[in-house]
PDB file of N, CA and C in Angstrom:
ATOM      1  N   MET A   1      24.955 -54.688 -17.182  1.00  0.00           N
ATOM      2  CA  MET A   1      25.358 -55.487 -18.325  1.00  0.00           C
ATOM      3  C   MET A   1      25.403 -56.961 -17.926  1.00  0.00           C
ATOM      4  N   SER A   2      25.020 -57.798 -18.869  1.00  0.00           N
ATOM      5  CA  SER A   2      25.079 -59.247 -18.679  1.00  0.00           C
ATOM      6  C   SER A   2      26.127 -59.820 -19.616  1.00  0.00           C
ATOM      7  N   SER A   3      26.537 -61.070 -19.362  1.00  0.00           N
ATOM      8  CA  SER A   3      27.531 -61.686 -20.242  1.00  0.00           C
ATOM      9  C   SER A   3      27.246 -63.169 -20.400  1.00  0.00           C
ATOM     10  N   ALA A   4      27.827 -63.740 -21.448  1.00  0.00           N
ATOM     11  CA  ALA A   4      27.709 -65.173 -21.717  1.00  0.00           C
ATOM     12  C   ALA A   4      29.001 -65.640 -22.368  1.00  0.00           C
ATOM     13  N   LYS A   5      29.264 -66.932 -22.259  1.00  0.00           N
ATOM     14  CA  LYS A   5      30.476 -67.526 -22.838  1.00  0.00           C
ATOM     15  C   LYS A   5      30.160 -68.177 -24.178  1.00  0.00           C
ATOM     16  N   GLY A   6      31.199 -68.280 -25.015  1.00  0.00           N
ATOM     17  CA  GLY A   6      31.039 -68.913 -26.308  1.00  0.00           C
ATOM     18  C   GLY A   6      32.354 -69.004 -27.037  1.00  0.00           C
ATOM     19  N   SER A   7      32.296 -68.953 -28.369  1.00  0.00           N
ATOM     20  CA  SER A   7      33.501 -69.086 -29.184  1.00  0.00           C
ATOM     21  C   SER A   7      33.420 -68.178 -30.406  1.00  0.00           C
ATOM     22  N   VAL A   8      34.598 -67.931 -30.980  1.00  0.00           N
ATOM     23  CA  VAL A   8      34.709 -67.173 -32.230  1.00  0.00           C
ATOM     24  C   VAL A   8      35.579 -68.002 -33.162  1.00  0.00           C
ATOM     25  N   VAL A   9      35.130 -68.176 -34.399  1.00  0.00           N
ATOM     26  CA  VAL A   9      35.915 -68.927 -35.381  1.00  0.00           C
ATOM     27  C   VAL A   9      36.060 -68.131 -36.667  1.00  0.00           C
ATOM     28  N   TRP A  10      37.236 -68.229 -37.246  1.00  0.00           N
ATOM     29  CA  TRP A  10      37.558 -67.644 -38.540  1.00  0.00           C
ATOM     30  C   TRP A  10      36.975 -68.574 -39.586  1.00  0.00           C
ATOM     31  N   ASN A  11      36.196 -68.037 -40.541  1.00  0.00           N
ATOM     32  CA  ASN A  11      35.603 -68.865 -41.586  1.00  0.00           C
ATOM     33  C   ASN A  11      36.365 -68.800 -42.892  1.00  0.00           C
ATOM     34  N   SER A  12      36.870 -67.623 -43.219  1.00  0.00           N
ATOM     35  CA  SER A  12      37.642 -67.418 -44.445  1.00  0.00           C
ATOM     36  C   SER A  12      38.467 -66.152 -44.246  1.00  0.00           C
ATOM     37  N   ALA A  13      39.204 -65.759 -45.249  1.00  0.00           N
ATOM     38  CA  ALA A  13      40.105 -64.609 -45.112  1.00  0.00           C
ATOM     39  C   ALA A  13      39.406 -63.347 -44.617  1.00  0.00           C
ATOM     40  N   ALA A  14      38.121 -63.190 -44.911  1.00  0.00           N
ATOM     41  CA  ALA A  14      37.442 -61.958 -44.522  1.00  0.00           C
ATOM     42  C   ALA A  14      36.101 -62.193 -43.833  1.00  0.00           C
ATOM     43  N   THR A  15      35.899 -63.376 -43.222  1.00  0.00           N
ATOM     44  CA  THR A  15      34.665 -63.630 -42.476  1.00  0.00           C
ATOM     45  C   THR A  15      34.966 -64.394 -41.192  1.00  0.00           C
ATOM     46  N   TRP A  16      34.128 -64.177 -40.179  1.00  0.00           N
ATOM     47  CA  TRP A  16      34.234 -64.890 -38.914  1.00  0.00           C
ATOM     48  C   TRP A  16      32.844 -65.076 -38.327  1.00  0.00           C
ATOM     49  N   GLN A  17      32.748 -65.968 -37.345  1.00  0.00           N
ATOM     50  CA  GLN A  17      31.462 -66.248 -36.724  1.00  0.00           C
ATOM     51  C   GLN A  17      31.645 -66.427 -35.222  1.00  0.00           C
ATOM     52  N   ALA A  18      30.760 -65.801 -34.450  1.00  0.00           N
ATOM     53  CA  ALA A  18      30.764 -65.927 -32.993  1.00  0.00           C
ATOM     54  C   ALA A  18      29.485 -66.639 -32.563  1.00  0.00           C
ATOM     55  N   THR A  19      29.616 -67.576 -31.625  1.00  0.00           N
ATOM     56  CA  THR A  19      28.467 -68.344 -31.144  1.00  0.00           C
ATOM     57  C   THR A  19      28.446 -68.318 -29.619  1.00  0.00           C
ATOM     58  N   PHE A  20      27.295 -67.981 -29.055  1.00  0.00           N
ATOM     59  CA  PHE A  20      27.131 -67.900 -27.609  1.00  0.00           C
ATOM     60  C   PHE A  20      25.793 -68.515 -27.224  1.00  0.00           C
ATOM     61  N   THR A  21      25.681 -68.978 -25.989  1.00  0.00           N
ATOM     62  CA  THR A  21      24.395 -69.429 -25.463  1.00  0.00           C
ATOM     63  C   THR A  21      23.927 -68.410 -24.438  1.00  0.00           C
ATOM     64  N   VAL A  22      22.781 -67.789 -24.731  1.00  0.00           N
ATOM     65  CA  VAL A  22      22.229 -66.728 -23.891  1.00  0.00           C
ATOM     66  C   VAL A  22      20.811 -67.133 -23.475  1.00  0.00           C
ATOM     67  N   ASN A  23      20.608 -67.330 -22.190  1.00  0.00           N
ATOM     68  CA  ASN A  23      19.288 -67.696 -21.660  1.00  0.00           C
ATOM     69  C   ASN A  23      18.692 -68.904 -22.379  1.00  0.00           C
ATOM     70  N   GLY A  24      19.509 -69.913 -22.641  1.00  0.00           N
ATOM     71  CA  GLY A  24      19.042 -71.138 -23.271  1.00  0.00           C
ATOM     72  C   GLY A  24      18.869 -71.068 -24.780  1.00  0.00           C
ATOM     73  N   VAL A  25      19.308 -69.980 -25.391  1.00  0.00           N
ATOM     74  CA  VAL A  25      19.205 -69.813 -26.840  1.00  0.00           C
ATOM     75  C   VAL A  25      20.602 -69.633 -27.414  1.00  0.00           C
ATOM     76  N   LYS A  26      20.893 -70.367 -28.493  1.00  0.00           N
ATOM     77  CA  LYS A  26      22.170 -70.194 -29.180  1.00  0.00           C
ATOM     78  C   LYS A  26      22.041 -68.992 -30.109  1.00  0.00           C
ATOM     79  N   VAL A  27      22.902 -67.982 -29.907  1.00  0.00           N
ATOM     80  CA  VAL A  27      22.919 -66.795 -30.773  1.00  0.00           C
ATOM     81  C   VAL A  27      24.219 -66.810 -31.571  1.00  0.00           C
ATOM     82  N   ILE A  28      24.109 -66.532 -32.859  1.00  0.00           N
ATOM     83  CA  ILE A  28      25.243 -66.631 -33.770  1.00  0.00           C
ATOM     84  C   ILE A  28      25.370 -65.322 -34.535  1.00  0.00           C
ATOM     85  N   TYR A  29      26.562 -64.732 -34.484  1.00  0.00           N
ATOM     86  CA  TYR A  29      26.855 -63.505 -35.227  1.00  0.00           C
ATOM     87  C   TYR A  29      27.799 -63.869 -36.366  1.00  0.00           C
ATOM     88  N   SER A  30      27.334 -63.755 -37.591  1.00  0.00           N
ATOM     89  CA  SER A  30      28.134 -64.053 -38.784  1.00  0.00           C
ATOM     90  C   SER A  30      28.564 -62.735 -39.395  1.00  0.00           C
ATOM     91  N   ALA A  31      29.892 -62.511 -39.462  1.00  0.00           N
ATOM     92  CA  ALA A  31      30.408 -61.186 -39.807  1.00  0.00           C
ATOM     93  C   ALA A  31      31.382 -61.222 -40.975  1.00  0.00           C
ATOM     94  N   SER A  32      31.387 -60.114 -41.707  1.00  0.00           N
ATOM     95  CA  SER A  32      32.404 -59.887 -42.732  1.00  0.00           C
ATOM     96  C   SER A  32      33.361 -58.817 -42.221  1.00  0.00           C
ATOM     97  N   MET A  33      34.609 -58.850 -42.723  1.00  0.00           N
ATOM     98  CA  MET A  33      35.650 -57.909 -42.280  1.00  0.00           C
ATOM     99  C   MET A  33      36.071 -56.990 -43.413  1.00  0.00           C
ATOM    100  N   SER A  34      36.594 -55.851 -43.038  1.00  0.00           N
ATOM    101  CA  SER A  34      37.052 -54.853 -44.003  1.00  0.00           C
ATOM    102  C   SER A  34      38.329 -55.264 -44.716  1.00  0.00           C
ATOM    103  N   LYS A  35      39.064 -56.218 -44.146  1.00  0.00           N
ATOM    104  CA  LYS A  35      40.288 -56.681 -44.790  1.00  0.00           C
ATOM    105  C   LYS A  35      40.522 -58.144 -44.460  1.00  0.00           C
ATOM    106  N   ALA A  36      41.256 -58.812 -45.329  1.00  0.00           N
ATOM    107  CA  ALA A  36      41.558 -60.224 -45.117  1.00  0.00           C
ATOM    108  C   ALA A  36      42.548 -60.376 -43.970  1.00  0.00           C
ATOM    109  N   MET A  37      42.389 -61.463 -43.219  1.00  0.00           N
ATOM    110  CA  MET A  37      43.273 -61.745 -42.086  1.00  0.00           C
ATOM    111  C   MET A  37      43.644 -63.211 -42.066  1.00  0.00           C
ATOM    112  N   SER A  38      44.735 -63.521 -41.365  1.00  0.00           N
ATOM    113  CA  SER A  38      45.128 -64.900 -41.126  1.00  0.00           C
ATOM    114  C   SER A  38      44.110 -65.556 -40.210  1.00  0.00           C
ATOM    115  N   LYS A  39      44.103 -66.876 -40.217  1.00  0.00           N
ATOM    116  CA  LYS A  39      43.173 -67.640 -39.389  1.00  0.00           C
ATOM    117  C   LYS A  39      43.338 -67.299 -37.910  1.00  0.00           C
ATOM    118  N   PHE A  40      42.196 -67.174 -37.218  1.00  0.00           N
ATOM    119  CA  PHE A  40      42.183 -66.976 -35.773  1.00  0.00           C
ATOM    120  C   PHE A  40      40.962 -67.676 -35.188  1.00  0.00           C
ATOM    121  N   ASP A  41      41.079 -68.118 -33.943  1.00  0.00           N
ATOM    122  CA  ASP A  41      39.980 -68.754 -33.226  1.00  0.00           C
ATOM    123  C   ASP A  41      40.067 -68.386 -31.754  1.00  0.00           C
ATOM    124  N   VAL A  42      38.916 -68.349 -31.100  1.00  0.00           N
ATOM    125  CA  VAL A  42      38.829 -68.094 -29.665  1.00  0.00           C
ATOM    126  C   VAL A  42      37.882 -69.131 -29.070  1.00  0.00           C
ATOM    127  N   ASN A  43      38.400 -70.047 -28.271  1.00  0.00           N
ATOM    128  CA  ASN A  43      37.544 -71.070 -27.655  1.00  0.00           C
ATOM    129  C   ASN A  43      36.765 -70.538 -26.466  1.00  0.00           C
ATOM    130  N   MET A  44      37.313 -69.554 -25.763  1.00  0.00           N
ATOM    131  CA  MET A  44      36.677 -69.025 -24.555  1.00  0.00           C
ATOM    132  C   MET A  44      36.388 -67.530 -24.734  1.00  0.00           C
ATOM    133  N   ALA A  45      35.418 -67.221 -25.569  1.00  0.00           N
ATOM    134  CA  ALA A  45      35.032 -65.826 -25.816  1.00  0.00           C
ATOM    135  C   ALA A  45      33.919 -65.428 -24.845  1.00  0.00           C
ATOM    136  N   THR A  46      33.796 -64.123 -24.639  1.00  0.00           N
ATOM    137  CA  THR A  46      32.733 -63.566 -23.798  1.00  0.00           C
ATOM    138  C   THR A  46      31.972 -62.522 -24.593  1.00  0.00           C
ATOM    139  N   VAL A  47      30.653 -62.565 -24.532  1.00  0.00           N
ATOM    140  CA  VAL A  47      29.827 -61.506 -25.108  1.00  0.00           C
ATOM    141  C   VAL A  47      29.180 -60.753 -23.946  1.00  0.00           C
ATOM    142  N   THR A  48      29.239 -59.437 -24.009  1.00  0.00           N
ATOM    143  CA  THR A  48      28.630 -58.578 -23.000  1.00  0.00           C
ATOM    144  C   THR A  48      27.503 -57.808 -23.680  1.00  0.00           C
ATOM    145  N   TYR A  49      26.335 -57.760 -23.040  1.00  0.00           N
ATOM    146  CA  TYR A  49      25.147 -57.180 -23.662  1.00  0.00           C
ATOM    147  C   TYR A  49      24.233 -56.567 -22.606  1.00  0.00           C
ATOM    148  N   LYS A  50      23.260 -55.772 -23.071  1.00  0.00           N
ATOM    149  CA  LYS A  50      22.293 -55.145 -22.170  1.00  0.00           C
ATOM    150  C   LYS A  50      20.958 -55.882 -22.154  1.00  0.00           C
ATOM    151  N   ASP A  51      20.463 -56.241 -23.341  1.00  0.00           N
ATOM    152  CA  ASP A  51      19.101 -56.753 -23.468  1.00  0.00           C
ATOM    153  C   ASP A  51      19.085 -57.994 -24.353  1.00  0.00           C
ATOM    154  N   ALA A  52      18.974 -59.167 -23.739  1.00  0.00           N
ATOM    155  CA  ALA A  52      19.030 -60.433 -24.481  1.00  0.00           C
ATOM    156  C   ALA A  52      17.927 -60.534 -25.529  1.00  0.00           C
ATOM    157  N   ASP A  53      16.799 -59.894 -25.307  1.00  0.00           N
ATOM    158  CA  ASP A  53      15.691 -59.991 -26.254  1.00  0.00           C
ATOM    159  C   ASP A  53      15.891 -59.129 -27.497  1.00  0.00           C
ATOM    160  N   ASN A  54      16.697 -58.074 -27.406  1.00  0.00           N
ATOM    161  CA  ASN A  54      16.834 -57.143 -28.526  1.00  0.00           C
ATOM    162  C   ASN A  54      18.237 -57.004 -29.098  1.00  0.00           C
ATOM    163  N   ASP A  55      19.265 -57.333 -28.331  1.00  0.00           N
ATOM    164  CA  ASP A  55      20.641 -57.111 -28.789  1.00  0.00           C
ATOM    165  C   ASP A  55      21.103 -58.115 -29.831  1.00  0.00           C
ATOM    166  N   PHE A  56      20.476 -59.277 -29.927  1.00  0.00           N
ATOM    167  CA  PHE A  56      20.944 -60.341 -30.810  1.00  0.00           C
ATOM    168  C   PHE A  56      20.023 -60.539 -32.011  1.00  0.00           C
ATOM    169  N   THR A  57      19.607 -59.434 -32.621  1.00  0.00           N
ATOM    170  CA  THR A  57      18.729 -59.497 -33.789  1.00  0.00           C
ATOM    171  C   THR A  57      19.244 -58.566 -34.885  1.00  0.00           C
ATOM    172  N   GLY A  58      18.941 -58.902 -36.120  1.00  0.00           N
ATOM    173  CA  GLY A  58      19.197 -58.024 -37.250  1.00  0.00           C
ATOM    174  C   GLY A  58      20.649 -57.928 -37.667  1.00  0.00           C
ATOM    175  N   VAL A  59      20.915 -56.901 -38.462  1.00  0.00           N
ATOM    176  CA  VAL A  59      22.248 -56.616 -38.997  1.00  0.00           C
ATOM    177  C   VAL A  59      22.854 -55.480 -38.189  1.00  0.00           C
ATOM    178  N   THR A  60      24.123 -55.631 -37.801  1.00  0.00           N
ATOM    179  CA  THR A  60      24.805 -54.631 -36.984  1.00  0.00           C
ATOM    180  C   THR A  60      26.236 -54.437 -37.477  1.00  0.00           C
ATOM    181  N   ASN A  61      26.661 -53.189 -37.620  1.00  0.00           N
ATOM    182  CA  ASN A  61      28.057 -52.900 -37.951  1.00  0.00           C
ATOM    183  C   ASN A  61      28.917 -53.094 -36.707  1.00  0.00           C
ATOM    184  N   TRP A  62      30.208 -53.296 -36.919  1.00  0.00           N
ATOM    185  CA  TRP A  62      31.138 -53.502 -35.807  1.00  0.00           C
ATOM    186  C   TRP A  62      32.499 -52.918 -36.145  1.00  0.00           C
ATOM    187  N   HIS A  63      33.310 -52.719 -35.103  1.00  0.00           N
ATOM    188  CA  HIS A  63      34.709 -52.299 -35.265  1.00  0.00           C
ATOM    189  C   HIS A  63      35.498 -52.857 -34.091  1.00  0.00           C
ATOM    190  N   GLY A  64      36.790 -53.008 -34.285  1.00  0.00           N
ATOM    191  CA  GLY A  64      37.581 -53.509 -33.175  1.00  0.00           C
ATOM    192  C   GLY A  64      38.974 -53.921 -33.555  1.00  0.00           C
ATOM    193  N   LEU A  65      39.588 -54.643 -32.636  1.00  0.00           N
ATOM    194  CA  LEU A  65      40.976 -55.074 -32.767  1.00  0.00           C
ATOM    195  C   LEU A  65      41.028 -56.596 -32.685  1.00  0.00           C
ATOM    196  N   ILE A  66      41.696 -57.210 -33.674  1.00  0.00           N
ATOM    197  CA  ILE A  66      41.915 -58.651 -33.662  1.00  0.00           C
ATOM    198  C   ILE A  66      43.415 -58.886 -33.714  1.00  0.00           C
ATOM    199  N   GLY A  67      43.966 -59.556 -32.699  1.00  0.00           N
ATOM    200  CA  GLY A  67      45.396 -59.859 -32.645  1.00  0.00           C
ATOM    201  C   GLY A  67      46.110 -58.918 -31.707  1.00  0.00           C
ATOM    202  N   ASP A  68      47.308 -59.128 -31.427  1.00  0.00           N
ATOM    203  CA  ASP A  68      48.061 -60.314 -31.778  1.00  0.00           C
ATOM    204  C   ASP A  68      47.709 -61.492 -30.876  1.00  0.00           C
ATOM    205  N   LYS A  69      47.166 -61.199 -29.664  1.00  0.00           N
ATOM    206  CA  LYS A  69      46.798 -62.280 -28.748  1.00  0.00           C
ATOM    207  C   LYS A  69      45.346 -62.232 -28.298  1.00  0.00           C
ATOM    208  N   THR A  70      44.632 -61.153 -28.612  1.00  0.00           N
ATOM    209  CA  THR A  70      43.252 -60.996 -28.138  1.00  0.00           C
ATOM    210  C   THR A  70      42.327 -60.526 -29.254  1.00  0.00           C
ATOM    211  N   ILE A  71      41.047 -60.583 -28.956  1.00  0.00           N
ATOM    212  CA  ILE A  71      40.016 -60.033 -29.831  1.00  0.00           C
ATOM    213  C   ILE A  71      39.150 -59.116 -28.975  1.00  0.00           C
ATOM    214  N   ASN A  72      38.820 -57.941 -29.515  1.00  0.00           N
ATOM    215  CA  ASN A  72      37.971 -56.989 -28.811  1.00  0.00           C
ATOM    216  C   ASN A  72      37.110 -56.298 -29.868  1.00  0.00           C
ATOM    217  N   ILE A  73      35.877 -56.760 -29.993  1.00  0.00           N
ATOM    218  CA  ILE A  73      34.962 -56.299 -31.034  1.00  0.00           C
ATOM    219  C   ILE A  73      33.798 -55.565 -30.387  1.00  0.00           C
ATOM    220  N   LYS A  74      33.485 -54.380 -30.906  1.00  0.00           N
ATOM    221  CA  LYS A  74      32.364 -53.595 -30.401  1.00  0.00           C
ATOM    222  C   LYS A  74      31.345 -53.422 -31.524  1.00  0.00           C
ATOM    223  N   LEU A  75      30.121 -53.887 -31.264  1.00  0.00           N
ATOM    224  CA  LEU A  75      29.044 -53.722 -32.218  1.00  0.00           C
ATOM    225  C   LEU A  75      28.357 -52.390 -31.986  1.00  0.00           C
ATOM    226  N   ASP A  76      27.781 -51.820 -33.042  1.00  0.00           N
ATOM    227  CA  ASP A  76      27.134 -50.522 -32.937  1.00  0.00           C
ATOM    228  C   ASP A  76      25.958 -50.508 -31.961  1.00  0.00           C
ATOM    229  N   ASN A  77      25.381 -51.677 -31.656  1.00  0.00           N
ATOM    230  CA  ASN A  77      24.258 -51.718 -30.724  1.00  0.00           C
ATOM    231  C   ASN A  77      24.704 -51.876 -29.267  1.00  0.00           C
ATOM    232  N   GLY A  78      26.021 -51.802 -29.006  1.00  0.00           N
ATOM    233  CA  GLY A  78      26.538 -51.866 -27.645  1.00  0.00           C
ATOM    234  C   GLY A  78      27.054 -53.231 -27.221  1.00  0.00           C
ATOM    235  N   VAL A  79      26.812 -54.268 -27.996  1.00  0.00           N
ATOM    236  CA  VAL A  79      27.323 -55.603 -27.678  1.00  0.00           C
ATOM    237  C   VAL A  79      28.835 -55.608 -27.852  1.00  0.00           C
ATOM    238  N   VAL A  80      29.556 -56.285 -26.947  1.00  0.00           N
ATOM    239  CA  VAL A  80      31.016 -56.379 -27.007  1.00  0.00           C
ATOM    240  C   VAL A  80      31.405 -57.858 -26.963  1.00  0.00           C
ATOM    241  N   ILE A  81      32.316 -58.257 -27.863  1.00  0.00           N
ATOM    242  CA  ILE A  81      32.834 -59.622 -27.912  1.00  0.00           C
ATOM    243  C   ILE A  81      34.328 -59.557 -27.629  1.00  0.00           C
ATOM    244  N   THR A  82      34.780 -60.311 -26.610  1.00  0.00           N
ATOM    245  CA  THR A  82      36.191 -60.301 -26.224  1.00  0.00           C
ATOM    246  C   THR A  82      36.695 -61.724 -25.997  1.00  0.00           C
ATOM    247  N   GLY A  83      38.000 -61.865 -25.996  1.00  0.00           N
ATOM    248  CA  GLY A  83      38.598 -63.145 -25.664  1.00  0.00           C
ATOM    249  C   GLY A  83      40.059 -63.198 -26.038  1.00  0.00           C
ATOM    250  N   SER A  84      40.715 -64.273 -25.618  1.00  0.00           N
ATOM    251  CA  SER A  84      42.120 -64.513 -25.952  1.00  0.00           C
ATOM    252  C   SER A  84      42.175 -65.472 -27.131  1.00  0.00           C
ATOM    253  N   LEU A  85      42.985 -65.134 -28.131  1.00  0.00           N
ATOM    254  CA  LEU A  85      43.142 -66.011 -29.283  1.00  0.00           C
ATOM    255  C   LEU A  85      43.783 -67.326 -28.854  1.00  0.00           C
ATOM    256  N   ASN A  86      43.350 -68.427 -29.465  1.00  0.00           N
ATOM    257  CA  ASN A  86      43.948 -69.734 -29.155  1.00  0.00           C
ATOM    258  C   ASN A  86      45.433 -69.738 -29.483  1.00  0.00           C
ATOM    259  N   SER A  87      45.801 -69.096 -30.587  1.00  0.00           N
ATOM    260  CA  SER A  87      47.199 -68.936 -31.001  1.00  0.00           C
ATOM    261  C   SER A  87      47.402 -67.503 -31.439  1.00  0.00           C
ATOM    262  N   ALA A  88      48.501 -66.915 -31.044  1.00  0.00           N
ATOM    263  CA  ALA A  88      48.793 -65.534 -31.439  1.00  0.00           C
ATOM    264  C   ALA A  88      48.926 -65.443 -32.955  1.00  0.00           C
ATOM    265  N   ILE A  89      48.530 -64.291 -33.503  1.00  0.00           N
ATOM    266  CA  ILE A  89      48.741 -64.026 -34.922  1.00  0.00           C
ATOM    267  C   ILE A  89      49.795 -62.928 -35.041  1.00  0.00           C
ATOM    268  N   ALA A  90      50.352 -62.778 -36.223  1.00  0.00           N
ATOM    269  CA  ALA A  90      51.524 -61.916 -36.421  1.00  0.00           C
ATOM    270  C   ALA A  90      51.323 -60.480 -35.950  1.00  0.00           C
ATOM    271  N   ASP A  91      50.205 -59.876 -36.283  1.00  0.00           N
ATOM    272  CA  ASP A  91      49.994 -58.463 -35.976  1.00  0.00           C
ATOM    273  C   ASP A  91      48.600 -58.227 -35.439  1.00  0.00           C
ATOM    274  N   ALA A  92      48.459 -57.168 -34.653  1.00  0.00           N
ATOM    275  CA  ALA A  92      47.131 -56.706 -34.253  1.00  0.00           C
ATOM    276  C   ALA A  92      46.558 -55.901 -35.415  1.00  0.00           C
ATOM    277  N   ASN A  93      45.286 -56.121 -35.718  1.00  0.00           N
ATOM    278  CA  ASN A  93      44.642 -55.459 -36.846  1.00  0.00           C
ATOM    279  C   ASN A  93      43.399 -54.720 -36.400  1.00  0.00           C
ATOM    280  N   ASN A  94      43.334 -53.419 -36.701  1.00  0.00           N
ATOM    281  CA  ASN A  94      42.102 -52.665 -36.520  1.00  0.00           C
ATOM    282  C   ASN A  94      41.230 -52.970 -37.721  1.00  0.00           C
ATOM    283  N   VAL A  95      40.066 -53.539 -37.470  1.00  0.00           N
ATOM    284  CA  VAL A  95      39.179 -53.956 -38.550  1.00  0.00           C
ATOM    285  C   VAL A  95      37.757 -53.520 -38.244  1.00  0.00           C
ATOM    286  N   ASN A  96      36.918 -53.560 -39.256  1.00  0.00           N
ATOM    287  CA  ASN A  96      35.500 -53.262 -39.090  1.00  0.00           C
ATOM    288  C   ASN A  96      34.727 -54.046 -40.125  1.00  0.00           C
ATOM    289  N   GLY A  97      33.436 -53.972 -40.030  1.00  0.00           N
ATOM    290  CA  GLY A  97      32.589 -54.672 -40.981  1.00  0.00           C
ATOM    291  C   GLY A  97      31.161 -54.692 -40.508  1.00  0.00           C
ATOM    292  N   SER A  98      30.418 -55.667 -40.985  1.00  0.00           N
ATOM    293  CA  SER A  98      29.033 -55.823 -40.567  1.00  0.00           C
ATOM    294  C   SER A  98      28.733 -57.299 -40.415  1.00  0.00           C
ATOM    295  N   GLY A  99      27.665 -57.582 -39.709  1.00  0.00           N
ATOM    296  CA  GLY A  99      27.272 -58.963 -39.499  1.00  0.00           C
ATOM    297  C   GLY A  99      25.810 -59.059 -39.155  1.00  0.00           C
ATOM    298  N   SER A 100      25.309 -60.281 -39.167  1.00  0.00           N
ATOM    299  CA  SER A 100      23.903 -60.496 -38.843  1.00  0.00           C
ATOM    300  C   SER A 100      23.770 -61.568 -37.774  1.00  0.00           C
ATOM    301  N   TRP A 101      22.771 -61.397 -36.935  1.00  0.00           N
ATOM    302  CA  TRP A 101      22.473 -62.333 -35.855  1.00  0.00           C
ATOM    303  C   TRP A 101      21.423 -63.335 -36.290  1.00  0.00           C
ATOM    304  N   THR A 102      21.623 -64.586 -35.904  1.00  0.00           N
ATOM    305  CA  THR A 102      20.577 -65.607 -36.001  1.00  0.00           C
ATOM    306  C   THR A 102      20.523 -66.298 -34.647  1.00  0.00           C
ATOM    307  N   SER A 103      19.425 -66.975 -34.369  1.00  0.00           N
ATOM    308  CA  SER A 103      19.308 -67.670 -33.093  1.00  0.00           C
ATOM    309  C   SER A 103      18.512 -68.947 -33.279  1.00  0.00           C
ATOM    310  N   LYS A 104      18.743 -69.900 -32.370  1.00  0.00           N
ATOM    311  CA  LYS A 104      17.980 -71.144 -32.354  1.00  0.00           C
ATOM    312  C   LYS A 104      18.049 -71.742 -30.963  1.00  0.00           C
ATOM    313  N   ALA A 105      17.054 -72.539 -30.657  1.00  0.00           N
ATOM    314  CA  ALA A 105      17.020 -73.200 -29.352  1.00  0.00           C
ATOM    315  C   ALA A 105      18.224 -74.109 -29.226  1.00  0.00           C
ATOM    316  N   VAL A 106      18.847 -74.167 -28.059  1.00  0.00           N
ATOM    317  CA  VAL A 106      20.042 -74.981 -27.841  1.00  0.00           C
ATOM    318  C   VAL A 106      19.748 -76.442 -28.086  1.00  0.00           C
ATOM    319  N   ASN A 107      18.573 -76.929 -27.765  1.00  0.00           N
ATOM    320  CA  ASN A 107      18.266 -78.349 -27.866  1.00  0.00           C
ATOM    321  C   ASN A 107      17.708 -78.771 -29.225  1.00  0.00           C
ATOM    322  N   ASP A 108      17.857 -77.940 -30.280  1.00  0.00           N
ATOM    323  CA  ASP A 108      17.290 -78.337 -31.572  1.00  0.00           C
ATOM    324  C   ASP A 108      18.208 -79.278 -32.349  1.00  0.00           C
ATOM    325  N   GLY A 109      19.384 -79.625 -31.795  1.00  0.00           N
ATOM    326  CA  GLY A 109      20.256 -80.614 -32.401  1.00  0.00           C
ATOM    327  C   GLY A 109      21.118 -80.113 -33.533  1.00  0.00           C
ATOM    328  N   LYS A 110      21.150 -78.826 -33.773  1.00  0.00           N
ATOM    329  CA  LYS A 110      21.946 -78.277 -34.874  1.00  0.00           C
ATOM    330  C   LYS A 110      22.948 -77.281 -34.385  1.00  0.00           C
TER     331      LYS A 110
END
């Protein structure tokens, strides 16, 4: 397994986005959640994966635990996103949903 560093940000009550740089490419997972949650962010997240060429493509379902101090998300394709929340949230929540991967060159300025 390989890993890369990045971040996770809460976008709205039921969406979040994870961004990592893998082999010089920025990969972004935009996800929806099964239930609304309070704001959370992770500045130092880790993504663990098997195959950089195939793991960060398409739509993938996920499940995991967010809160009270950590995030641990497992995607159906074997990718795992973990990290410590910047600020603790009231409760740990078992959540699930789906998301899609996009990618772009790190030096494209966006």
